[in-house]
Amino acid sequence: MPPNLDVYVISHARDRETIERFLSVYVDRAASENRGDEQLMILALDAVGQPSEGDNWDWEPSRSLTHIIERGLEHPRRAFSVYLKTRDSSLAGAMLSFTTDNQVIFGVSLDDEGAKPENLEKAKALLHEMAQSFGGRNGFVGVEEPPPLRGIRDAQGLSAYSWAAE
């Protein structure tokens, strides 16, 4: 399986309306709703620094995408990610993450087979489109990079791009 370019937009819009808009554009809701016996891996409330294998994680049933959204909006705010099926078959997947600092991360992955320049250009275009649509203030493109639940990691392996905030 070739590597993926992961496009992430970090937004302060941790609200139902913005999340639902992201889902309606990028996610196959019917294919992503039933989570089966999947478990949510939620960062423990007392965790500090970047997530690591040594972190304490709380586990609970995912139940459904609807439940996951409710969980992401509950207080106290918890940090976790969920991987979703996309509407667009040219995308490898979608990600929805909730951070420790009350933000939401909207993400999509695209195939980077051959590391062609046009793949990165498509990723950059998606980054800018998503930033405008979902209130993004930060964002980046990474290669096989998980969503940053506690802030953006070191720049190694990341390509960050800026845009004019409105």
Protein backbone atom coordinates (compact mmCIF):
# COMPACT_ATOMS: atom_id res chain seq x y z
CA MET A 1 0.00 0.00 0.00
CA PRO A 2 1.52 3.36 -1.01
CA PRO A 3 1.91 6.13 1.54
CA ASN A 4 -0.83 8.72 1.95
CA LEU A 5 -0.65 12.46 2.18
CA ASP A 6 -2.66 13.53 5.22
CA VAL A 7 -4.28 16.96 5.02
CA TYR A 8 -5.33 18.47 8.35
CA VAL A 9 -7.11 21.70 9.18
CA ILE A 10 -7.23 22.72 12.83
CA SER A 11 -10.26 24.82 13.73
CA HIS A 12 -11.74 26.49 16.80
CA ALA A 13 -15.18 25.57 15.40
CA ARG A 14 -15.73 22.58 17.70
CA ASP A 15 -19.47 22.75 17.14
CA ARG A 16 -22.13 20.49 15.66
CA GLU A 17 -22.88 22.68 12.63
CA THR A 18 -19.27 22.81 11.40
CA ILE A 19 -18.69 19.11 12.07
CA GLU A 20 -21.86 18.19 10.17
CA ARG A 21 -20.78 20.36 7.22
CA PHE A 22 -17.42 18.55 7.09
CA LEU A 23 -19.19 15.19 7.22
CA SER A 24 -21.65 16.15 4.47
CA VAL A 25 -18.84 17.18 2.12
CA TYR A 26 -16.22 14.47 2.73
CA VAL A 27 -17.70 11.51 4.62
CA ASP A 28 -19.93 8.66 3.50
CA ARG A 29 -22.22 8.98 6.50
CA ALA A 30 -24.11 5.72 5.87
CA ALA A 31 -20.87 3.72 5.59
CA SER A 32 -19.35 5.41 8.66
CA GLU A 33 -22.33 5.48 11.05
CA ASN A 34 -22.31 1.91 12.38
CA ARG A 35 -19.02 1.39 14.24
CA GLY A 36 -19.60 -2.26 15.16
CA ASP A 37 -17.41 -3.32 18.07
CA GLU A 38 -14.87 -0.53 17.48
CA GLN A 39 -13.53 1.24 20.57
CA LEU A 40 -12.73 4.94 20.99
CA MET A 41 -9.20 5.49 22.25
CA ILE A 42 -9.55 8.67 24.32
CA LEU A 43 -6.57 10.50 25.77
CA ALA A 44 -6.70 10.51 29.57
CA LEU A 45 -7.63 13.82 31.17
CA ASP A 46 -4.30 14.08 33.00
CA ALA A 47 -2.11 13.56 29.90
CA VAL A 48 0.52 16.20 29.05
CA GLY A 49 2.86 16.72 26.09
CA GLN A 50 2.54 14.83 22.82
CA PRO A 51 0.63 11.53 22.80
CA SER A 52 2.89 8.53 23.13
CA GLU A 53 2.78 4.83 23.86
CA GLY A 54 3.27 5.64 27.54
CA ASP A 55 0.09 7.69 27.75
CA ASN A 56 -2.89 6.54 29.69
CA TRP A 57 -5.82 6.02 27.37
CA ASP A 58 -9.42 5.52 28.24
CA TRP A 59 -11.36 3.08 26.08
CA GLU A 60 -15.07 3.09 25.44
CA PRO A 61 -17.41 1.72 22.76
CA SER A 62 -17.65 3.88 19.63
CA ARG A 63 -21.30 2.82 19.09
CA SER A 64 -22.02 5.11 16.11
CA LEU A 65 -20.72 8.19 14.34
CA THR A 66 -23.60 10.11 15.91
CA HIS A 67 -22.39 9.00 19.36
CA ILE A 68 -18.80 9.94 18.50
CA ILE A 69 -19.87 13.48 17.58
CA GLU A 70 -21.84 13.77 20.84
CA ARG A 71 -18.78 12.52 22.75
CA GLY A 72 -16.57 15.10 21.05
CA LEU A 73 -18.91 17.91 22.09
CA GLU A 74 -19.31 16.82 25.74
CA HIS A 75 -17.61 18.40 28.74
CA PRO A 76 -15.04 17.91 29.99
CA ARG A 77 -13.51 18.14 26.53
CA ARG A 78 -11.64 14.97 25.60
CA ALA A 79 -9.09 14.30 22.85
CA PHE A 80 -9.51 11.47 20.36
CA SER A 81 -9.61 10.66 16.64
CA VAL A 82 -11.87 8.62 14.44
CA TYR A 83 -11.18 7.40 10.90
CA LEU A 84 -14.06 7.51 8.43
CA LYS A 85 -14.97 6.37 4.93
CA THR A 86 -15.09 9.07 2.28
CA ARG A 87 -17.74 10.02 -0.26
CA ASP A 88 -15.05 10.66 -2.88
CA SER A 89 -13.28 7.48 -4.01
CA SER A 90 -10.19 9.52 -4.95
CA LEU A 91 -9.61 10.07 -1.22
CA ALA A 92 -8.16 7.28 0.91
CA GLY A 93 -10.00 8.29 4.07
CA ALA A 94 -11.26 11.07 6.32
CA MET A 95 -10.42 11.87 9.92
CA LEU A 96 -12.26 13.76 12.62
CA SER A 97 -10.29 14.59 15.76
CA PHE A 98 -10.95 16.49 18.94
CA THR A 99 -7.98 18.08 20.71
CA THR A 100 -7.03 18.75 24.32
CA ASP A 101 -7.26 22.51 23.74
CA ASN A 102 -10.92 22.50 22.63
CA GLN A 103 -10.27 22.50 18.89
CA VAL A 104 -11.41 20.15 16.15
CA ILE A 105 -9.28 18.73 13.37
CA PHE A 106 -10.77 17.96 9.99
CA GLY A 107 -8.65 15.66 7.86
CA VAL A 108 -8.55 13.75 4.61
CA SER A 109 -5.94 11.42 3.14
CA LEU A 110 -5.01 10.96 -0.46
CA ASP A 111 -2.83 8.39 -2.16
CA ASP A 112 0.72 9.57 -2.75
CA GLU A 113 1.84 6.70 -4.94
CA GLY A 114 4.99 7.74 -6.77
CA ALA A 115 5.32 10.94 -4.69
CA LYS A 116 4.24 12.93 -7.74
CA PRO A 117 4.22 16.73 -7.51
CA GLU A 118 0.55 16.79 -8.57
CA ASN A 119 -0.36 14.78 -5.45
CA LEU A 120 1.11 17.48 -3.22
CA GLU A 121 -0.60 20.18 -5.28
CA LYS A 122 -3.96 18.43 -4.81
CA ALA A 123 -3.25 18.15 -1.06
CA LYS A 124 -2.44 21.87 -0.85
CA ALA A 125 -5.64 22.74 -2.73
CA LEU A 126 -7.65 20.56 -0.32
CA LEU A 127 -5.93 22.22 2.64
CA HIS A 128 -6.92 25.69 1.46
CA GLU A 129 -10.47 24.61 0.56
CA MET A 130 -10.99 22.96 3.93
CA ALA A 131 -9.48 25.92 5.82
CA GLN A 132 -11.93 28.31 4.19
CA SER A 133 -14.93 26.01 4.60
CA PHE A 134 -14.38 24.96 8.22
CA GLY A 135 -12.78 27.95 9.94
CA GLY A 136 -9.23 26.65 9.84
CA ARG A 137 -6.55 28.78 11.44
CA ASN A 138 -3.74 26.23 11.17
CA GLY A 139 -3.16 23.29 8.94
CA PHE A 140 -0.58 21.08 7.37
CA VAL A 141 0.09 18.25 4.97
CA GLY A 142 2.03 15.28 6.33
CA VAL A 143 2.99 11.84 5.12
CA GLU A 144 1.28 9.11 7.17
CA GLU A 145 0.99 11.55 10.06
CA PRO A 146 -1.65 11.04 12.77
CA PRO A 147 -3.78 14.00 13.83
CA PRO A 148 -2.05 16.12 16.52
CA LEU A 149 -4.27 15.80 19.58
CA ARG A 150 -2.08 18.21 21.57
CA GLY A 151 -0.82 20.80 19.10
CA ILE A 152 1.27 20.56 15.97
CA ARG A 153 4.38 18.38 16.21
CA ASP A 154 7.88 19.31 15.12
CA ALA A 155 8.17 20.33 11.47
CA GLN A 156 10.07 17.14 10.57
CA GLY A 157 8.04 15.26 7.96
CA LEU A 158 5.43 18.02 7.72
CA SER A 159 4.77 20.55 5.01
CA ALA A 160 2.97 23.52 6.49
CA TYR A 161 1.24 26.07 4.31
CA SER A 162 -0.26 29.38 5.28
CA TRP A 163 -3.27 31.24 3.98
CA ALA A 164 -4.80 34.61 4.58
CA ALA A 165 -7.18 34.46 7.55
CA GLU A 166 -10.37 36.40 6.91
